[in-house]
Every structure is written in structure tokens, then in C-alpha cells.
Amino acid sequence: MTNQTRDEAVQEARSQLLKDSEDGTLDSSSLQGAIAILEKAQIRGDRQLLEGEWRLLWSSGTRNAQKLNKPGNGINRKAIASVIQRLDLQRLWFENQVTLAGSSLIVGGPFEYKQHRIQFRFERLGFQLGPLGLLKLPLGKWASGWLQTTYLDEDLHLERGDRGGISLYLRVGTSTPTLCKDNDRIILSHTPAEE
């Protein structure tokens, strides 16, 4: 495959994913074909592109969850709940927020990024029940893991996790961490800009 053919295939797959996400018509079979094209291209963008707020469009689920689904289906998370991922590169802070029926569960903590991998450790938990304020709790060393970036541009982020899943995210805005305190700074070792 020539570079021009690859670039055309990537542009077509990317355009299709953006159009389908806007229309709300993510079809699992065409979606997985588009994801395969993007991952094969190995375009991982500059680490600065990670900064921001990303909405989960689709996830294959973990290896265990995949065993329960028919092969190739995956899960359209938007239909179940709103899932937002926030990455703040200044503080090296990572959060995931799940919102269902106006209530949210948020987990957050420090991360480092090197060789296109987000290595994270969740240290704080937040609950927000409807209009009530946010309740924040420390987690200690509750959960850690990694997410390997397999495609990244200004609009789309694909990642494969340490538990065997793949997730597709759409950029929705700038990053405003919910659980990070103003005085939080880099907790894990700071990593210089990616190659």
C-alpha cells in the first residue's frame, strides 16, 4: 500500500467515523473496519493532542465482557450512559466520568505518558447525585493500569487497555479536571515531550 493510498483510506475512515458519530449511527461492523484502518496507519499525533475532554463513542469492553457479547458487536456507550475522559497535561491528571440519569461517578488520579501509553493511578473518587454537590473521597492506590494510544488526531482518539478492550473517543472540549485540587502537581515522574 502506497502512502497516498494509506492516507486516502485513513481520511475516508476518519470522515465516516465523524459523520456516524454526529448522526448517532455508529454501526459495529463498519465501525470496526474503520478502526482497523486507523490503527494500521499508526498515526499517534503529538502528545499535546491528548489534552482535553473526550466522549466515549464505542468500546469493545474488556476481554471478559467481550466473551459475553457476540463477536464484533462491541458496546455503543452513548446509548447506555455518557462517558467522558479528561486529560490535563499541565498537572498530568486523568479522569473518567460516567453520567447516567443526571448522576455521575468520577475516578481520577495522576498519569504519565511515554511511548504513546497513558500509565494511570486512580486516587480519588467523586459522586454527584443530581443537583446535589460533588462528594469527593480519597481512594489510596485503588486502581491502576495503562491505555495504549493506537490512533490520535485533533478529533479522534483510539486506545487499547491493559484489560484487552479498545475504545473510540471524540474530542468534545477543553480539559477541566473535577477531582484535581488546585495545588496538585505532577505526582508520577514527569515525562518530556513525546518523540
Protein backbone atom coordinates (compact mmCIF):
# COMPACT_ATOMS: atom_id res chain seq x y z
CA MET A 1 0.00 0.00 0.00
CA THR A 2 1.42 3.37 -1.01
CA ASN A 3 1.45 6.32 1.36
CA GLN A 4 -1.15 8.08 -0.78
CA THR A 5 -3.47 5.04 -0.69
CA ARG A 6 -2.98 4.75 3.07
CA ASP A 7 -3.69 8.45 3.60
CA GLU A 8 -6.85 8.25 1.49
CA ALA A 9 -8.06 5.18 3.43
CA VAL A 10 -7.35 6.93 6.75
CA GLN A 11 -9.17 10.09 5.65
CA GLU A 12 -12.17 8.08 4.47
CA ALA A 13 -12.32 6.01 7.70
CA ARG A 14 -11.91 9.12 9.84
CA SER A 15 -14.62 11.02 7.93
CA GLN A 16 -17.00 8.09 8.22
CA LEU A 17 -16.47 7.81 11.99
CA LEU A 18 -17.00 11.55 12.49
CA LYS A 19 -20.15 11.56 10.32
CA ASP A 20 -21.59 8.46 12.03
CA SER A 21 -20.87 9.88 15.49
CA GLU A 22 -22.61 13.13 14.58
CA ASP A 23 -25.62 11.25 13.13
CA GLY A 24 -25.66 8.79 16.04
CA THR A 25 -25.49 5.89 13.57
CA LEU A 26 -22.36 4.01 14.66
CA ASP A 27 -22.71 0.59 13.01
CA SER A 28 -20.45 -2.03 14.65
CA SER A 29 -19.25 -3.77 11.50
CA SER A 30 -18.31 -0.63 9.52
CA LEU A 31 -17.02 0.99 12.72
CA GLN A 32 -14.64 -1.88 13.39
CA GLY A 33 -13.41 -1.75 9.79
CA ALA A 34 -12.69 1.97 10.13
CA ILE A 35 -10.93 1.39 13.47
CA ALA A 36 -8.74 -1.31 11.88
CA ILE A 37 -7.69 1.14 9.12
CA LEU A 38 -6.83 3.88 11.63
CA GLU A 39 -4.84 1.55 13.88
CA LYS A 40 -2.92 0.06 10.96
CA ALA A 41 -1.83 3.55 9.88
CA GLN A 42 -0.12 4.05 13.28
CA ILE A 43 -0.83 7.79 13.39
CA ARG A 44 -0.47 8.76 17.03
CA GLY A 45 -0.15 12.54 16.84
CA ASP A 46 1.75 14.76 19.21
CA ARG A 47 1.17 14.19 22.93
CA GLN A 48 -0.29 17.71 23.21
CA LEU A 49 -3.30 16.46 21.24
CA LEU A 50 -4.27 14.34 24.27
CA GLU A 51 -5.11 17.48 26.27
CA GLY A 52 -8.84 17.91 26.61
CA GLU A 53 -12.15 16.26 27.20
CA TRP A 54 -13.11 13.18 25.18
CA ARG A 55 -16.53 11.49 24.88
CA LEU A 56 -16.60 7.71 24.53
CA LEU A 57 -18.32 6.72 21.28
CA TRP A 58 -17.75 2.96 21.30
CA SER A 59 -15.97 0.31 23.34
CA SER A 60 -15.33 -3.37 22.79
CA GLY A 61 -15.35 -3.87 26.57
CA THR A 62 -12.75 -5.87 28.49
CA ARG A 63 -11.72 -9.40 27.43
CA ASN A 64 -14.26 -10.81 29.90
CA ALA A 65 -17.05 -8.56 28.62
CA GLN A 66 -16.16 -9.47 25.03
CA LYS A 67 -16.78 -13.14 25.85
CA LEU A 68 -20.35 -12.27 26.82
CA ASN A 69 -21.05 -10.33 23.60
CA LYS A 70 -21.34 -11.76 20.12
CA PRO A 71 -18.02 -11.30 18.32
CA GLY A 72 -17.80 -7.97 16.54
CA ASN A 73 -20.65 -6.24 18.39
CA GLY A 74 -18.96 -4.05 20.96
CA ILE A 75 -20.89 -1.58 23.05
CA ASN A 76 -22.20 1.80 21.97
CA ARG A 77 -21.66 3.53 25.32
CA LYS A 78 -23.60 6.64 24.33
CA ALA A 79 -26.79 4.59 24.34
CA ILE A 80 -26.13 3.43 27.92
CA ALA A 81 -24.59 6.48 29.57
CA SER A 82 -22.37 9.45 28.87
CA VAL A 83 -18.71 8.57 29.45
CA ILE A 84 -16.16 11.39 29.45
CA GLN A 85 -12.37 11.08 29.71
CA ARG A 86 -10.34 14.14 30.78
CA LEU A 87 -6.60 14.54 30.33
CA ASP A 88 -4.83 17.56 31.85
CA LEU A 89 -1.23 17.63 30.63
CA GLN A 90 -0.21 20.52 32.88
CA ARG A 91 -0.99 18.60 36.06
CA LEU A 92 -0.66 15.14 34.49
CA TRP A 93 -4.16 14.34 35.78
CA PHE A 94 -6.51 11.73 34.27
CA GLU A 95 -10.24 11.33 34.94
CA ASN A 96 -13.10 9.16 33.76
CA GLN A 97 -16.68 10.28 34.40
CA VAL A 98 -19.80 8.16 33.86
CA THR A 99 -23.12 10.04 33.92
CA LEU A 100 -26.48 8.28 33.94
CA ALA A 101 -29.85 9.90 34.65
CA GLY A 102 -28.23 13.13 35.85
CA SER A 103 -25.91 11.45 38.41
CA SER A 104 -22.16 10.98 37.94
CA LEU A 105 -19.37 8.74 39.17
CA ILE A 106 -15.86 10.13 38.62
CA VAL A 107 -12.48 8.50 39.22
CA GLY A 108 -9.24 10.43 38.85
CA GLY A 109 -5.55 10.42 39.51
CA PRO A 110 -2.08 11.11 38.17
CA PHE A 111 -0.71 9.70 34.93
CA GLU A 112 2.43 9.65 32.89
CA TYR A 113 2.64 9.37 29.12
CA LYS A 114 5.52 7.79 27.26
CA GLN A 115 5.81 5.71 24.14
CA HIS A 116 2.14 6.50 23.41
CA ARG A 117 0.99 4.88 26.65
CA ILE A 118 -1.06 6.52 29.42
CA GLN A 119 0.03 4.90 32.70
CA PHE A 120 -2.53 5.95 35.33
CA ARG A 121 -3.34 5.50 39.02
CA PHE A 122 -6.79 6.43 40.27
CA GLU A 123 -6.56 8.06 43.71
CA ARG A 124 -9.84 9.94 44.08
CA LEU A 125 -13.50 9.08 43.68
CA GLY A 126 -16.34 11.55 43.24
CA PHE A 127 -20.13 11.12 43.34
CA GLN A 128 -22.63 13.67 42.17
CA LEU A 129 -26.28 12.79 42.67
CA GLY A 130 -28.49 15.03 40.56
CA PRO A 131 -28.41 18.66 41.72
CA LEU A 132 -26.54 17.84 44.96
CA GLY A 133 -22.91 18.91 45.23
CA LEU A 134 -19.95 16.72 44.41
CA LEU A 135 -18.80 14.33 47.18
CA LYS A 136 -15.05 13.61 46.91
CA LEU A 137 -13.32 10.66 48.56
CA PRO A 138 -9.68 9.52 48.58
CA LEU A 139 -9.02 6.07 47.13
CA GLY A 140 -5.42 5.42 48.07
CA LYS A 141 -3.99 3.02 45.49
CA TRP A 142 -7.37 1.75 44.39
CA ALA A 143 -6.76 1.12 40.71
CA SER A 144 -4.03 1.50 38.17
CA GLY A 145 -3.49 0.47 34.60
CA TRP A 146 -2.47 1.63 31.17
CA LEU A 147 -4.07 2.70 27.91
CA GLN A 148 -2.05 2.43 24.69
CA THR A 149 -2.84 5.13 22.13
CA THR A 150 -3.24 3.41 18.75
CA TYR A 151 -4.56 6.46 16.85
CA LEU A 152 -4.70 10.13 17.77
CA ASP A 153 -5.59 13.28 15.86
CA GLU A 154 -7.31 16.56 16.72
CA ASP A 155 -10.78 14.89 16.78
CA LEU A 156 -10.42 11.15 17.43
CA HIS A 157 -8.56 9.05 19.98
CA LEU A 158 -8.32 5.26 19.86
CA GLU A 159 -6.81 3.34 22.74
CA ARG A 160 -6.31 -0.26 23.79
CA GLY A 161 -6.34 -1.00 27.50
CA ASP A 162 -4.44 -3.39 29.72
CA ARG A 163 -7.66 -5.40 30.19
CA GLY A 164 -7.98 -6.19 26.49
CA GLY A 165 -10.51 -3.60 25.34
CA ILE A 166 -10.41 -0.97 22.63
CA SER A 167 -12.22 2.37 22.92
CA LEU A 168 -13.01 5.14 20.47
CA TYR A 169 -13.26 8.73 21.79
CA LEU A 170 -14.37 12.00 20.18
CA ARG A 171 -12.94 15.31 21.38
CA VAL A 172 -15.68 17.46 22.93
CA GLY A 173 -13.80 20.30 24.59
CA THR A 174 -11.02 21.50 26.82
CA SER A 175 -10.00 19.72 30.00
CA THR A 176 -11.31 20.87 33.38
CA PRO A 177 -10.50 18.19 35.95
CA THR A 178 -13.21 17.73 38.56
CA LEU A 179 -11.27 15.91 41.29
CA CYS A 180 -7.87 17.54 40.89
CA LYS A 181 -7.04 20.12 43.56
CA ASP A 182 -5.54 23.47 42.52
CA ASN A 183 -2.27 22.64 44.24
CA ASP A 184 -1.94 19.15 42.70
CA ARG A 185 1.16 18.89 40.63
CA ILE A 186 2.98 16.12 38.90
CA ILE A 187 2.86 13.08 41.17
CA LEU A 188 4.31 10.47 38.84
CA SER A 189 7.63 11.28 37.20
CA HIS A 190 7.32 13.98 34.55
CA THR A 191 7.91 12.70 31.04
CA PRO A 192 9.47 15.02 28.46
CA ALA A 193 7.58 15.65 25.24
CA GLU A 194 6.99 12.50 23.20
CA GLU A 195 9.46 11.74 20.41
